[in-house]
Amino acid sequence: MTDTSRIEISGAGLRCADVVRVARRSAWIELAPEALARAGQGYELAVELGAKRAVYGRTTGVGANRHTVVDPESADHHGLRLLRSHASGTGEPLPDDAVRAVMAIRLNQLAAGGSGVHPRLLEALATALRVGALPLVHSRGAIGTGDLTALAEIALTLAGELPWAAGELDPLAISPGDALAFISSNAATLAEAVLAWHDLTRLLAASHVVTALTFCALGGSAEAYSERVHAARPHPGAVRCAAELRRLITAAGDPPEGRRLQDPFGLRAFPQVQGPALDAAAAVERVLGIDLNAAAENPLIDIETQQAYHHGQFSTAHVALAFDHLRAALHHVAELSTARLGDLVEPDLSGLPPFLSEGPPGSSGIMILEYVAHDALGTLRHAASPVTLGTAVISRGLEDHASFSTHAVRSTVAATAAYRTVLACELLAAVRALRLAGTDLPDTPLREAFRLAVGSLPHIAEDHPLSPEIGQAERLLDRLAVL
């Protein structure tokens, strides 16, 4: 029987979901013995190559200092100087789950065998993850061409020169050539990217449930989700979205007949708008899956050809562009959610009092939810702006392009938080409408979703502050995502 609590780190096959489980402590890593053997071969080759020819970062300086020959064996050796100078991050420290994700990703990349670092660095990362020792890693200092500051902080912590944020290990000797080889990675950006992808993917799953609740509250027409309709224009995300809606709103036989010949776009065009976001999230997962298992260090120490290759694999344009695309798609999804919220408070569509109010004439009911949702939508709109339209020229003009993937990921975190609020407002309105109308829901997972919502969200007839309920609805979305 497979032990699902253990994830083997071998340099291949690591999935985004695996990283999330390690980061959030529902699984533990186990370093494959062959990974250590491969790292040992790479280290020996790197030392051998450095004795014969110029190898960037091992026998030379870095950046514009690439032609400067260094003595890696000096008392205060080049590697430690490099780490000290680059461990200069600032901003808020990364959360613990992100730091664990950084270490797991970097360990797996090193296990792929292209860095030439000493195997003891792999063992140290594996031990730190096992015992819960966490370096202090600052959030600011990367532009999408290598997370040099974050990884230098981790390396200096392993070396005993920086304090641990939690737990500790005995100081580790850093071999002269290991410094650049260890920090030549985008593992910190990828760590935040994987967690951002996971959290947004869950919200997109919850979107199906919330939309289905609104569909039932408004008496929607299921024709828009017909299998025949989507077979005629089979974009994968739209097909998947329509199937999810059918699963949620159809118990057996034909779905109920809708109140209208055609619904507003918020319901009728939901698969066509949600579908691109699902496809964009899947594209992000594919990009991240490649980078999690990549030997992308510059230079690449290639055991098979016994050569060192200098290259530009540190560029993360794929990651940056994929996340820019995902945020743009998410903005469209959020716009539809606010549109459905508007439909729910409109008596001509809901058959219920304006703003789903239950008090005396003129009561506001949930009127304010539209303000809150559109405020969050405005935040999301700004966060959705592409970060990949600018660049940076640094290191005396040598490094003349930057993807800003780190910023694309963090903009996605902000967009996800905003969308959570938008979707929570729709959820509150849909549940209130279903309660007021006494709608009989189909015997599908949607009935369980409504039961969970009723158990979490109080029904207060008179006008009252909605802030606590918005927060409760935001927290409930993760539970709805897995129904």
Protein backbone atom coordinates (compact mmCIF):
# COMPACT_ATOMS: atom_id res chain seq x y z
CA MET A 1 0.00 0.00 0.00
CA THR A 2 1.38 3.40 -0.99
CA ASP A 3 2.28 5.73 1.87
CA THR A 4 0.53 8.94 0.81
CA SER A 5 2.05 10.86 3.71
CA ARG A 6 5.51 10.57 2.11
CA ILE A 7 6.61 12.31 -1.07
CA GLU A 8 9.82 11.12 -2.68
CA ILE A 9 12.20 13.81 -3.87
CA SER A 10 14.12 12.48 -6.87
CA GLY A 11 14.41 15.43 -9.25
CA ALA A 12 11.51 14.22 -11.37
CA GLY A 13 7.77 13.81 -11.03
CA LEU A 14 7.18 16.42 -8.31
CA ARG A 15 3.71 17.89 -8.76
CA CYS A 16 2.24 21.20 -7.66
CA ALA A 17 -0.13 19.35 -5.33
CA ASP A 18 2.85 17.58 -3.72
CA VAL A 19 4.51 20.91 -2.95
CA VAL A 20 1.31 22.24 -1.39
CA ARG A 21 1.04 19.18 0.85
CA VAL A 22 4.63 19.54 2.03
CA ALA A 23 4.26 23.29 2.51
CA ARG A 24 1.08 22.91 4.54
CA ARG A 25 2.31 19.89 6.45
CA SER A 26 -0.02 17.16 5.25
CA ALA A 27 2.93 15.20 3.80
CA TRP A 28 6.67 14.76 4.42
CA ILE A 29 9.54 14.44 2.00
CA GLU A 30 11.92 11.54 1.55
CA LEU A 31 15.11 12.09 -0.43
CA ALA A 32 15.74 9.34 -2.98
CA PRO A 33 19.20 7.70 -2.60
CA GLU A 34 19.83 7.93 -6.35
CA ALA A 35 19.39 11.70 -6.13
CA LEU A 36 22.28 11.93 -3.70
CA ALA A 37 24.41 9.71 -5.91
CA ARG A 38 23.63 11.88 -8.93
CA ALA A 39 24.44 15.04 -6.96
CA GLY A 40 27.77 13.51 -5.96
CA GLN A 41 28.64 12.83 -9.59
CA GLY A 42 27.69 16.38 -10.52
CA TYR A 43 29.82 17.84 -7.74
CA GLU A 44 32.90 15.86 -8.77
CA LEU A 45 32.40 16.89 -12.39
CA ALA A 46 32.02 20.55 -11.46
CA VAL A 47 35.26 20.50 -9.47
CA GLU A 48 37.02 18.80 -12.36
CA LEU A 49 35.71 21.26 -14.94
CA GLY A 50 36.61 24.24 -12.76
CA ALA A 51 40.22 23.04 -12.68
CA LYS A 52 40.36 22.93 -16.49
CA ARG A 53 38.37 25.92 -17.76
CA ALA A 54 36.49 29.04 -16.78
CA VAL A 55 33.16 28.14 -15.20
CA TYR A 56 30.86 31.04 -14.44
CA GLY A 57 30.42 31.71 -10.74
CA ARG A 58 32.94 29.02 -9.76
CA THR A 59 36.16 30.39 -11.20
CA THR A 60 34.78 33.83 -12.10
CA GLY A 61 32.75 36.61 -10.60
CA VAL A 62 29.07 36.95 -11.47
CA GLY A 63 27.03 39.40 -13.52
CA ALA A 64 29.23 42.05 -15.08
CA ASN A 65 32.16 40.49 -13.17
CA ARG A 66 31.92 37.37 -15.31
CA HIS A 67 35.39 37.83 -16.80
CA THR A 68 37.07 38.45 -13.44
CA VAL A 69 39.05 35.39 -12.38
CA VAL A 70 38.69 34.55 -8.68
CA ASP A 71 40.54 32.28 -6.31
CA PRO A 72 37.83 29.98 -4.95
CA GLU A 73 40.21 28.45 -2.43
CA SER A 74 41.16 31.69 -0.64
CA ALA A 75 40.63 31.81 3.14
CA ASP A 76 37.53 34.01 2.79
CA HIS A 77 36.49 32.17 -0.31
CA HIS A 78 34.56 33.56 -3.24
CA GLY A 79 31.46 31.48 -2.54
CA LEU A 80 30.89 32.88 0.95
CA ARG A 81 31.54 36.42 -0.26
CA LEU A 82 28.95 35.89 -2.97
CA LEU A 83 26.37 34.61 -0.49
CA ARG A 84 27.01 37.44 1.96
CA SER A 85 26.66 40.10 -0.70
CA HIS A 86 23.49 38.60 -2.16
CA ALA A 87 21.66 37.82 1.10
CA SER A 88 20.22 41.31 1.05
CA GLY A 89 16.47 40.79 0.81
CA THR A 90 13.99 43.10 2.45
CA GLY A 91 10.25 43.39 2.99
CA GLU A 92 8.10 41.11 5.07
CA PRO A 93 9.37 37.58 5.75
CA LEU A 94 7.77 34.85 3.66
CA PRO A 95 5.12 32.82 5.53
CA ASP A 96 6.18 29.46 6.90
CA ASP A 97 4.31 27.48 4.25
CA ALA A 98 6.04 29.41 1.49
CA VAL A 99 9.48 28.81 3.07
CA ARG A 100 8.79 25.09 3.29
CA ALA A 101 7.72 25.16 -0.36
CA VAL A 102 10.94 26.97 -1.34
CA MET A 103 13.07 24.33 0.36
CA ALA A 104 11.11 21.42 -1.12
CA ILE A 105 11.29 22.84 -4.64
CA ARG A 106 14.97 23.73 -4.40
CA LEU A 107 15.75 20.29 -3.04
CA ASN A 108 13.95 18.63 -5.94
CA GLN A 109 15.70 20.86 -8.48
CA LEU A 110 19.08 20.01 -6.96
CA ALA A 111 18.11 16.34 -7.05
CA ALA A 112 17.77 16.68 -10.83
CA GLY A 113 21.56 16.80 -10.87
CA GLY A 114 22.52 19.81 -12.94
CA SER A 115 23.81 22.20 -10.29
CA GLY A 116 27.09 20.62 -9.23
CA VAL A 117 26.49 21.37 -5.53
CA HIS A 118 27.89 19.08 -2.85
CA PRO A 119 25.38 16.38 -1.80
CA ARG A 120 25.50 17.61 1.80
CA LEU A 121 23.41 20.62 0.73
CA LEU A 122 20.64 18.27 -0.37
CA GLU A 123 20.88 16.35 2.88
CA ALA A 124 20.72 19.60 4.88
CA LEU A 125 17.57 20.79 3.10
CA ALA A 126 15.94 17.40 3.59
CA THR A 127 16.83 17.39 7.29
CA ALA A 128 15.54 20.92 7.79
CA LEU A 129 12.19 19.97 6.27
CA ARG A 130 12.02 16.84 8.36
CA VAL A 131 12.72 18.52 11.71
CA GLY A 132 10.85 21.77 10.99
CA ALA A 133 13.85 24.11 10.86
CA LEU A 134 13.02 27.23 8.85
CA PRO A 135 15.33 29.99 7.63
CA LEU A 136 14.17 33.60 7.71
CA VAL A 137 13.54 34.51 4.06
CA HIS A 138 12.61 38.05 3.04
CA SER A 139 10.03 38.62 0.35
CA ARG A 140 11.58 41.42 -1.68
CA GLY A 141 14.61 41.15 -3.93
CA ALA A 142 13.70 39.25 -7.12
CA ILE A 143 12.75 40.37 -10.64
CA GLY A 144 12.23 37.03 -12.35
CA THR A 145 15.86 36.22 -13.22
CA GLY A 146 16.72 34.09 -10.20
CA ASP A 147 15.71 34.37 -6.54
CA LEU A 148 19.24 35.24 -5.53
CA THR A 149 18.49 37.10 -2.30
CA ALA A 150 16.07 34.52 -0.90
CA LEU A 151 18.28 31.55 -1.69
CA ALA A 152 21.41 33.29 -0.42
CA GLU A 153 19.60 33.84 2.88
CA ILE A 154 18.78 30.13 3.04
CA ALA A 155 22.38 29.17 2.21
CA LEU A 156 23.86 31.51 4.82
CA THR A 157 21.42 30.17 7.39
CA LEU A 158 22.58 26.63 6.60
CA ALA A 159 26.16 27.89 6.97
CA GLY A 160 25.40 29.26 10.44
CA GLU A 161 25.88 32.91 9.48
CA LEU A 162 22.21 33.93 9.75
CA PRO A 163 19.77 32.97 12.54
CA TRP A 164 17.04 30.41 12.00
CA ALA A 165 13.44 31.61 12.18
CA ALA A 166 12.37 28.27 13.67
CA GLY A 167 14.43 25.33 14.86
CA GLU A 168 18.04 24.99 13.78
CA LEU A 169 20.66 22.70 12.28
CA ASP A 170 24.39 22.49 12.95
CA PRO A 171 26.32 24.84 10.63
CA LEU A 172 27.07 23.37 7.23
CA ALA A 173 30.29 23.83 5.28
CA ILE A 174 29.65 25.53 1.94
CA SER A 175 32.09 24.35 -0.71
CA PRO A 176 33.77 27.16 -2.68
CA GLY A 177 31.85 26.45 -5.89
CA ASP A 178 28.50 25.80 -4.27
CA ALA A 179 27.34 29.38 -3.74
CA LEU A 180 26.12 30.37 -7.20
CA ALA A 181 25.09 26.78 -7.92
CA PHE A 182 22.74 26.88 -4.92
CA ILE A 183 21.22 30.31 -5.50
CA SER A 184 20.89 30.00 -9.30
CA SER A 185 17.19 29.16 -9.13
CA ASN A 186 13.70 30.66 -9.05
CA ALA A 187 12.56 28.33 -6.27
CA ALA A 188 11.16 31.13 -4.09
CA THR A 189 9.03 32.53 -6.89
CA LEU A 190 7.90 29.02 -7.80
CA ALA A 191 6.99 28.34 -4.18
CA GLU A 192 4.71 31.35 -3.99
CA ALA A 193 3.42 30.51 -7.46
CA VAL A 194 2.39 26.98 -6.52
CA LEU A 195 0.54 28.15 -3.42
CA ALA A 196 -1.16 30.94 -5.38
CA TRP A 197 -2.18 28.49 -8.12
CA HIS A 198 -3.59 26.09 -5.53
CA ASP A 199 -5.62 28.70 -3.66
CA LEU A 200 -7.04 30.21 -6.83
CA THR A 201 -7.86 26.80 -8.30
CA ARG A 202 -9.91 26.00 -5.20
CA LEU A 203 -11.82 29.26 -5.58
CA LEU A 204 -12.53 28.47 -9.21
CA ALA A 205 -13.93 25.11 -8.09
CA ALA A 206 -16.10 26.90 -5.52
CA SER A 207 -17.34 29.19 -8.30
CA HIS A 208 -19.23 26.27 -9.84
CA VAL A 209 -21.08 25.64 -6.59
CA VAL A 210 -21.91 29.28 -5.92
CA THR A 211 -23.10 29.79 -9.50
CA ALA A 212 -25.28 26.68 -9.23
CA LEU A 213 -26.87 28.06 -6.04
CA THR A 214 -27.58 31.33 -7.84
CA PHE A 215 -28.94 29.36 -10.81
CA CYS A 216 -31.46 27.64 -8.56
CA ALA A 217 -32.37 30.88 -6.77
CA LEU A 218 -33.08 32.59 -10.10
CA GLY A 219 -34.76 29.61 -11.78
CA GLY A 220 -32.19 29.45 -14.55
CA SER A 221 -32.41 27.62 -17.84
CA ALA A 222 -30.11 24.60 -18.05
CA GLU A 223 -30.08 24.64 -21.86
CA ALA A 224 -26.98 26.82 -21.70
CA TYR A 225 -25.07 23.95 -20.08
CA SER A 226 -26.26 21.21 -22.44
CA GLU A 227 -23.70 18.64 -23.50
CA ARG A 228 -24.85 19.11 -27.10
CA VAL A 229 -24.26 22.85 -26.91
CA HIS A 230 -20.69 22.46 -25.69
CA ALA A 231 -19.85 19.59 -28.02
CA ALA A 232 -20.49 22.05 -30.84
CA ARG A 233 -17.70 24.35 -29.56
CA PRO A 234 -15.54 22.13 -27.37
CA HIS A 235 -13.11 24.41 -25.58
CA PRO A 236 -11.86 22.17 -22.75
CA GLY A 237 -12.50 24.59 -19.88
CA ALA A 238 -16.01 25.45 -21.04
CA VAL A 239 -16.86 21.76 -21.54
CA ARG A 240 -15.59 21.00 -18.03
CA CYS A 241 -17.49 23.93 -16.51
CA ALA A 242 -20.77 22.96 -18.18
CA ALA A 243 -20.34 19.39 -16.97
CA GLU A 244 -19.82 20.64 -13.42
CA LEU A 245 -23.00 22.72 -13.62
CA ARG A 246 -24.95 19.72 -14.92
CA ARG A 247 -23.57 17.61 -12.07
CA LEU A 248 -24.72 20.16 -9.53
CA ILE A 249 -28.17 21.12 -10.86
CA THR A 250 -29.41 17.82 -12.33
CA ALA A 251 -30.38 15.02 -9.94
CA ALA A 252 -31.86 12.54 -12.42
CA GLY A 253 -33.36 12.77 -15.87
CA ASP A 254 -33.85 16.16 -17.45
CA PRO A 255 -32.99 19.35 -15.54
CA PRO A 256 -35.88 21.54 -14.40
CA GLU A 257 -37.31 23.99 -16.92
CA GLY A 258 -36.16 27.55 -16.46
CA ARG A 259 -38.31 30.61 -15.89
CA ARG A 260 -36.99 32.43 -18.95
CA LEU A 261 -36.28 31.64 -22.57
CA GLN A 262 -32.77 33.07 -22.07
CA ASP A 263 -31.00 34.04 -18.86
CA PRO A 264 -28.73 37.03 -18.30
CA PHE A 265 -25.12 36.48 -19.29
CA GLY A 266 -24.08 35.86 -15.67
CA LEU A 267 -25.77 32.46 -15.91
CA ARG A 268 -26.02 31.81 -19.64
CA ALA A 269 -22.39 32.61 -20.53
CA PHE A 270 -20.81 31.26 -17.35
CA PRO A 271 -19.08 28.28 -19.04
CA GLN A 272 -17.69 30.52 -21.77
CA VAL A 273 -16.17 32.87 -19.16
CA GLN A 274 -15.22 30.41 -16.43
CA GLY A 275 -13.81 28.02 -19.03
CA PRO A 276 -10.88 30.25 -20.05
CA ALA A 277 -9.96 30.66 -16.38
CA LEU A 278 -9.96 26.88 -15.91
CA ASP A 279 -7.80 26.51 -19.00
CA ALA A 280 -5.45 29.26 -17.80
CA ALA A 281 -5.10 27.57 -14.40
CA ALA A 282 -4.31 24.28 -16.14
CA ALA A 283 -1.69 26.04 -18.26
CA VAL A 284 -0.10 27.49 -15.13
CA GLU A 285 0.05 24.02 -13.59
CA ARG A 286 1.82 22.68 -16.69
CA VAL A 287 4.40 25.48 -16.64
CA LEU A 288 5.05 25.05 -12.93
CA GLY A 289 5.28 21.27 -13.27
CA ILE A 290 8.17 21.68 -15.70
CA ASP A 291 10.03 24.21 -13.54
CA LEU A 292 9.62 22.24 -10.31
CA ASN A 293 11.62 19.41 -11.86
CA ALA A 294 14.07 21.46 -13.90
CA ALA A 295 17.84 21.51 -13.65
CA ALA A 296 17.86 25.18 -14.65
CA GLU A 297 21.03 26.33 -12.88
CA ASN A 298 23.47 28.46 -14.83
CA PRO A 299 25.84 26.90 -15.69
CA LEU A 300 24.34 23.46 -16.20
CA ILE A 301 26.73 20.76 -15.05
CA ASP A 302 25.80 17.94 -17.40
CA ILE A 303 26.89 14.50 -16.23
CA GLU A 304 26.00 12.79 -19.49
CA THR A 305 28.20 14.97 -21.73
CA GLN A 306 30.71 15.84 -18.99
CA GLN A 307 30.35 19.52 -19.88
CA ALA A 308 29.32 22.83 -18.31
CA TYR A 309 26.79 24.80 -20.36
CA HIS A 310 26.20 28.52 -19.87
CA HIS A 311 22.66 29.60 -20.73
CA GLY A 312 19.59 31.71 -19.89
CA GLN A 313 17.36 29.16 -18.16
CA PHE A 314 17.02 31.53 -15.20
CA SER A 315 14.46 33.52 -17.20
CA THR A 316 10.90 32.84 -16.07
CA ALA A 317 8.92 34.46 -18.87
CA HIS A 318 6.77 31.32 -19.11
CA VAL A 319 5.72 31.71 -15.47
CA ALA A 320 5.14 35.45 -15.69
CA LEU A 321 3.07 35.29 -18.87
CA ALA A 322 1.02 32.33 -17.62
CA PHE A 323 0.07 34.19 -14.45
CA ASP A 324 -0.70 37.40 -16.34
CA HIS A 325 -3.08 35.36 -18.50
CA LEU A 326 -4.65 33.70 -15.46
CA ARG A 327 -5.38 37.01 -13.73
CA ALA A 328 -6.95 38.47 -16.86
CA ALA A 329 -9.22 35.42 -17.13
CA LEU A 330 -10.09 35.65 -13.44
CA HIS A 331 -11.19 39.26 -13.85
CA HIS A 332 -13.83 38.18 -16.36
CA VAL A 333 -15.05 35.48 -13.97
CA ALA A 334 -15.33 38.01 -11.15
CA GLU A 335 -17.28 40.40 -13.36
CA LEU A 336 -19.85 37.68 -13.95
CA SER A 337 -20.13 37.05 -10.21
CA THR A 338 -20.96 40.71 -9.57
CA ALA A 339 -23.47 40.55 -12.44
CA ARG A 340 -25.21 37.57 -10.83
CA LEU A 341 -25.24 39.41 -7.50
CA GLY A 342 -27.06 42.23 -9.29
CA ASP A 343 -29.54 39.70 -10.68
CA LEU A 344 -30.24 38.30 -7.22
CA VAL A 345 -31.29 41.67 -5.80
CA GLU A 346 -33.53 42.45 -8.82
CA PRO A 347 -37.18 41.46 -8.17
CA ASP A 348 -37.95 40.99 -11.89
CA LEU A 349 -35.42 38.14 -11.96
CA SER A 350 -35.65 36.70 -8.43
CA GLY A 351 -39.37 37.11 -7.77
CA LEU A 352 -38.36 38.34 -4.31
CA PRO A 353 -38.32 41.76 -2.60
CA PRO A 354 -35.73 44.30 -3.77
CA PHE A 355 -32.31 43.63 -2.23
CA LEU A 356 -33.81 40.48 -0.64
CA SER A 357 -35.01 42.63 2.26
CA GLU A 358 -37.44 41.32 4.86
CA GLY A 359 -38.03 44.43 6.95
CA PRO A 360 -40.41 47.37 6.60
CA PRO A 361 -40.72 49.16 3.23
CA GLY A 362 -37.47 50.86 2.33
CA SER A 363 -35.30 48.29 4.12
CA SER A 364 -31.87 47.89 2.52
CA GLY A 365 -31.49 44.14 2.95
CA ILE A 366 -28.22 43.15 1.29
CA MET A 367 -27.92 46.30 -0.84
CA ILE A 368 -24.42 47.02 0.49
CA LEU A 369 -23.06 43.72 -0.84
CA GLU A 370 -22.91 45.20 -4.33
CA TYR A 371 -20.69 48.01 -3.05
CA VAL A 372 -18.40 45.56 -1.30
CA ALA A 373 -18.21 43.26 -4.31
CA HIS A 374 -17.47 46.08 -6.74
CA ASP A 375 -14.81 47.48 -4.43
CA ALA A 376 -13.14 44.06 -4.46
CA LEU A 377 -13.63 43.84 -8.23
CA GLY A 378 -11.85 47.18 -8.62
CA THR A 379 -8.93 45.83 -6.60
CA LEU A 380 -8.88 42.73 -8.77
CA ARG A 381 -8.96 44.83 -11.93
CA HIS A 382 -5.81 46.68 -10.88
CA ALA A 383 -4.13 43.43 -9.82
CA ALA A 384 -4.98 41.92 -13.21
CA SER A 385 -2.85 44.48 -15.05
CA PRO A 386 0.02 42.68 -16.82
CA VAL A 387 3.42 42.90 -15.17
CA THR A 388 5.21 41.59 -18.25
CA LEU A 389 5.06 44.87 -20.18
CA GLY A 390 8.16 46.27 -18.49
CA THR A 391 11.71 45.12 -17.96
CA ALA A 392 14.92 46.03 -16.14
CA VAL A 393 18.48 46.57 -17.32
CA ILE A 394 21.00 45.89 -14.55
CA SER A 395 24.57 44.73 -13.86
CA ARG A 396 26.21 47.35 -16.07
CA GLY A 397 23.87 46.53 -18.94
CA LEU A 398 24.73 42.84 -19.16
CA GLU A 399 21.44 41.63 -17.72
CA ASP A 400 19.02 43.43 -19.98
CA HIS A 401 15.72 41.63 -19.51
CA ALA A 402 13.53 40.65 -16.56
CA SER A 403 10.22 38.77 -16.56
CA PHE A 404 8.99 40.06 -13.18
CA SER A 405 7.41 36.66 -12.58
CA THR A 406 7.63 37.23 -8.83
CA HIS A 407 5.37 40.25 -9.19
CA ALA A 408 3.00 38.36 -11.49
CA VAL A 409 2.59 35.76 -8.76
CA ARG A 410 2.05 38.29 -6.00
CA SER A 411 -0.47 40.17 -8.10
CA THR A 412 -2.28 36.84 -8.43
CA VAL A 413 -2.34 36.47 -4.65
CA ALA A 414 -3.95 39.92 -4.39
CA ALA A 415 -6.41 39.11 -7.17
CA THR A 416 -7.35 35.83 -5.48
CA ALA A 417 -8.07 37.58 -2.18
CA ALA A 418 -10.27 40.10 -3.98
CA TYR A 419 -12.14 37.40 -5.87
CA ARG A 420 -12.76 35.55 -2.63
CA THR A 421 -14.66 38.60 -1.38
CA VAL A 422 -16.61 38.95 -4.65
CA LEU A 423 -17.66 35.31 -4.60
CA ALA A 424 -18.53 35.42 -0.90
CA CYS A 425 -20.93 38.30 -1.57
CA GLU A 426 -22.68 36.28 -4.27
CA LEU A 427 -22.83 33.26 -1.97
CA LEU A 428 -24.50 35.30 0.79
CA ALA A 429 -27.07 36.63 -1.65
CA ALA A 430 -27.81 33.25 -3.22
CA VAL A 431 -28.30 31.55 0.15
CA ARG A 432 -30.56 34.36 1.35
CA ALA A 433 -32.65 34.16 -1.81
CA LEU A 434 -33.00 30.38 -1.51
CA ARG A 435 -34.07 30.74 2.13
CA LEU A 436 -36.65 33.42 1.33
CA ALA A 437 -38.13 31.47 -1.56
CA GLY A 438 -37.99 28.09 0.17
CA THR A 439 -36.53 26.62 -3.01
CA ASP A 440 -36.28 22.84 -3.17
CA LEU A 441 -32.77 22.03 -4.30
CA PRO A 442 -31.89 18.97 -6.43
CA ASP A 443 -30.54 15.91 -4.66
CA THR A 444 -26.97 16.56 -5.74
CA PRO A 445 -23.88 17.88 -3.93
CA LEU A 446 -25.62 21.26 -4.19
CA ARG A 447 -27.98 20.22 -1.41
CA GLU A 448 -24.97 19.56 0.85
CA ALA A 449 -23.52 22.93 -0.15
CA PHE A 450 -26.73 24.63 0.94
CA ARG A 451 -26.77 22.66 4.20
CA LEU A 452 -23.22 23.79 4.96
CA ALA A 453 -24.10 27.37 4.10
CA VAL A 454 -27.21 27.38 6.28
CA GLY A 455 -25.17 25.98 9.14
CA SER A 456 -22.49 28.63 8.78
CA LEU A 457 -24.41 31.75 7.76
CA PRO A 458 -27.06 33.11 10.14
CA HIS A 459 -30.43 34.19 8.80
CA ILE A 460 -31.18 37.61 10.26
CA ALA A 461 -34.32 39.19 8.85
CA GLU A 462 -33.83 42.79 9.90
CA ASP A 463 -31.19 45.11 8.45
CA HIS A 464 -27.88 44.53 10.21
CA PRO A 465 -24.10 44.74 9.63
CA LEU A 466 -23.05 42.08 7.13
CA SER A 467 -19.29 42.17 7.73
CA PRO A 468 -19.16 39.04 9.94
CA GLU A 469 -21.21 37.07 7.42
CA ILE A 470 -18.99 38.12 4.53
CA GLY A 471 -16.00 36.76 6.46
CA GLN A 472 -17.85 33.52 7.23
CA ALA A 473 -18.80 33.14 3.57
CA GLU A 474 -15.19 33.69 2.50
CA ARG A 475 -14.05 30.89 4.80
CA LEU A 476 -16.85 28.59 3.65
CA LEU A 477 -15.74 28.72 0.01
CA ASP A 478 -12.87 26.27 0.54
CA ARG A 479 -15.32 23.69 1.89
CA LEU A 480 -17.65 24.17 -1.07
CA ALA A 481 -14.74 23.72 -3.48
CA VAL A 482 -14.38 20.02 -2.68
CA LEU A 483 -18.03 18.99 -2.98
